[in-house]
């Protein structure tokens, strides 16, 4: 379960928590001291032949960890560049 403090941080991080009609999320991330707007789609890598996420997972089946991870992936160029 996400704490109230963490939820407040998430609300500041995510500009659009809802998927828009195009299946996109808008995320504001403070990257190197500069607020950066990242647009990502709702496609996430899964284990082959399954619907299980390949990277970020949430024990409560929330999608926000995958959204944030994908935004940073866009900044760093690939999932494998994240450390």
C-alpha atoms as a PDB file:
ATOM      1  CA  UNK A   1       0.000   0.000   0.000  1.00  0.00           C
ATOM      2  CA  UNK A   2       1.271   3.453  -0.889  1.00  0.00           C
ATOM      3  CA  UNK A   3       1.632   5.910   1.981  1.00  0.00           C
ATOM      4  CA  UNK A   4      -0.084   9.299   1.945  1.00  0.00           C
ATOM      5  CA  UNK A   5       3.314  11.064   1.699  1.00  0.00           C
ATOM      6  CA  UNK A   6       4.391   8.938  -1.271  1.00  0.00           C
ATOM      7  CA  UNK A   7       1.023   9.539  -2.940  1.00  0.00           C
ATOM      8  CA  UNK A   8       1.511  13.311  -2.626  1.00  0.00           C
ATOM      9  CA  UNK A   9       4.921  12.982  -4.304  1.00  0.00           C
ATOM     10  CA  UNK A  10       3.366  10.878  -7.081  1.00  0.00           C
ATOM     11  CA  UNK A  11       0.644  13.480  -7.661  1.00  0.00           C
ATOM     12  CA  UNK A  12       3.370  16.093  -8.205  1.00  0.00           C
ATOM     13  CA  UNK A  13       5.334  13.777 -10.504  1.00  0.00           C
ATOM     14  CA  UNK A  14       2.475  12.622 -12.699  1.00  0.00           C
ATOM     15  CA  UNK A  15       0.742  15.340 -14.677  1.00  0.00           C
ATOM     16  CA  UNK A  16      -1.840  12.950 -16.069  1.00  0.00           C
ATOM     17  CA  UNK A  17      -2.525   9.835 -14.048  1.00  0.00           C
ATOM     18  CA  UNK A  18      -5.285   8.799 -16.467  1.00  0.00           C
ATOM     19  CA  UNK A  19      -4.558   7.328 -19.879  1.00  0.00           C
ATOM     20  CA  UNK A  20      -5.748   9.752 -22.528  1.00  0.00           C
ATOM     21  CA  UNK A  21      -7.709   8.657 -25.612  1.00  0.00           C
ATOM     22  CA  UNK A  22      -4.436   7.849 -27.398  1.00  0.00           C
ATOM     23  CA  UNK A  23      -3.158   5.597 -24.605  1.00  0.00           C
ATOM     24  CA  UNK A  24      -0.545   8.128 -23.505  1.00  0.00           C
ATOM     25  CA  UNK A  25       0.674   9.344 -20.118  1.00  0.00           C
ATOM     26  CA  UNK A  26       2.208  12.772 -19.493  1.00  0.00           C
ATOM     27  CA  UNK A  27       4.828  12.752 -16.770  1.00  0.00           C
ATOM     28  CA  UNK A  28       6.815  15.669 -15.361  1.00  0.00           C
ATOM     29  CA  UNK A  29      10.212  14.575 -14.078  1.00  0.00           C
ATOM     30  CA  UNK A  30      12.876  16.774 -12.529  1.00  0.00           C
ATOM     31  CA  UNK A  31      15.834  15.650 -14.639  1.00  0.00           C
ATOM     32  CA  UNK A  32      19.229  17.234 -13.882  1.00  0.00           C
ATOM     33  CA  UNK A  33      17.486  20.127 -12.139  1.00  0.00           C
ATOM     34  CA  UNK A  34      15.147  20.859 -15.045  1.00  0.00           C
ATOM     35  CA  UNK A  35      11.440  19.965 -15.090  1.00  0.00           C
ATOM     36  CA  UNK A  36      11.058  17.710 -18.121  1.00  0.00           C
ATOM     37  CA  UNK A  37       7.789  16.632 -19.698  1.00  0.00           C
ATOM     38  CA  UNK A  38       7.870  13.018 -20.883  1.00  0.00           C
ATOM     39  CA  UNK A  39       5.101  11.451 -22.971  1.00  0.00           C
ATOM     40  CA  UNK A  40       4.907   7.653 -22.951  1.00  0.00           C
ATOM     41  CA  UNK A  41       2.468   5.128 -24.347  1.00  0.00           C
ATOM     42  CA  UNK A  42       0.697   2.343 -22.484  1.00  0.00           C
ATOM     43  CA  UNK A  43       2.743  -0.528 -23.935  1.00  0.00           C
ATOM     44  CA  UNK A  44       5.057  -2.214 -21.433  1.00  0.00           C
ATOM     45  CA  UNK A  45       7.510  -5.065 -22.068  1.00  0.00           C
ATOM     46  CA  UNK A  46       6.262  -8.402 -20.739  1.00  0.00           C
ATOM     47  CA  UNK A  47       7.718 -11.855 -20.353  1.00  0.00           C
ATOM     48  CA  UNK A  48       7.354 -13.703 -23.637  1.00  0.00           C
ATOM     49  CA  UNK A  49       3.947 -15.325 -24.010  1.00  0.00           C
ATOM     50  CA  UNK A  50       2.578 -13.734 -20.815  1.00  0.00           C
ATOM     51  CA  UNK A  51       1.122 -10.506 -19.489  1.00  0.00           C
ATOM     52  CA  UNK A  52       3.658 -10.341 -16.646  1.00  0.00           C
ATOM     53  CA  UNK A  53       5.819  -7.188 -16.693  1.00  0.00           C
ATOM     54  CA  UNK A  54       9.441  -7.833 -17.562  1.00  0.00           C
ATOM     55  CA  UNK A  55      10.894  -5.095 -15.359  1.00  0.00           C
ATOM     56  CA  UNK A  56       9.044  -2.976 -12.735  1.00  0.00           C
ATOM     57  CA  UNK A  57       6.355  -4.798 -10.788  1.00  0.00           C
ATOM     58  CA  UNK A  58       3.968  -3.774  -8.065  1.00  0.00           C
ATOM     59  CA  UNK A  59       2.785  -6.223  -5.396  1.00  0.00           C
ATOM     60  CA  UNK A  60      -0.596  -4.469  -5.462  1.00  0.00           C
ATOM     61  CA  UNK A  61      -0.827  -4.538  -9.280  1.00  0.00           C
ATOM     62  CA  UNK A  62      -0.516  -0.749  -9.582  1.00  0.00           C
ATOM     63  CA  UNK A  63       0.620   0.568 -12.936  1.00  0.00           C
ATOM     64  CA  UNK A  64       2.456   3.667 -11.641  1.00  0.00           C
ATOM     65  CA  UNK A  65       5.843   1.925 -11.076  1.00  0.00           C
ATOM     66  CA  UNK A  66       5.853   0.833 -14.737  1.00  0.00           C
ATOM     67  CA  UNK A  67       4.856   4.336 -15.884  1.00  0.00           C
ATOM     68  CA  UNK A  68       7.674   6.010 -13.955  1.00  0.00           C
ATOM     69  CA  UNK A  69      10.173   3.357 -15.050  1.00  0.00           C
ATOM     70  CA  UNK A  70       9.191   3.812 -18.709  1.00  0.00           C
ATOM     71  CA  UNK A  71       9.578   7.599 -18.418  1.00  0.00           C
ATOM     72  CA  UNK A  72      13.134   7.209 -17.095  1.00  0.00           C
ATOM     73  CA  UNK A  73      13.774   4.615 -19.789  1.00  0.00           C
ATOM     74  CA  UNK A  74      12.890   7.244 -22.367  1.00  0.00           C
ATOM     75  CA  UNK A  75      15.393   9.653 -20.792  1.00  0.00           C
ATOM     76  CA  UNK A  76      18.202   7.064 -20.568  1.00  0.00           C
ATOM     77  CA  UNK A  77      17.531   5.376 -23.922  1.00  0.00           C
ATOM     78  CA  UNK A  78      16.650   1.821 -22.867  1.00  0.00           C
ATOM     79  CA  UNK A  79      15.573  -0.365 -19.968  1.00  0.00           C
ATOM     80  CA  UNK A  80      19.065  -1.832 -19.838  1.00  0.00           C
ATOM     81  CA  UNK A  81      20.610   1.622 -19.298  1.00  0.00           C
ATOM     82  CA  UNK A  82      18.660   2.049 -16.029  1.00  0.00           C
ATOM     83  CA  UNK A  83      20.623   1.144 -12.911  1.00  0.00           C
END
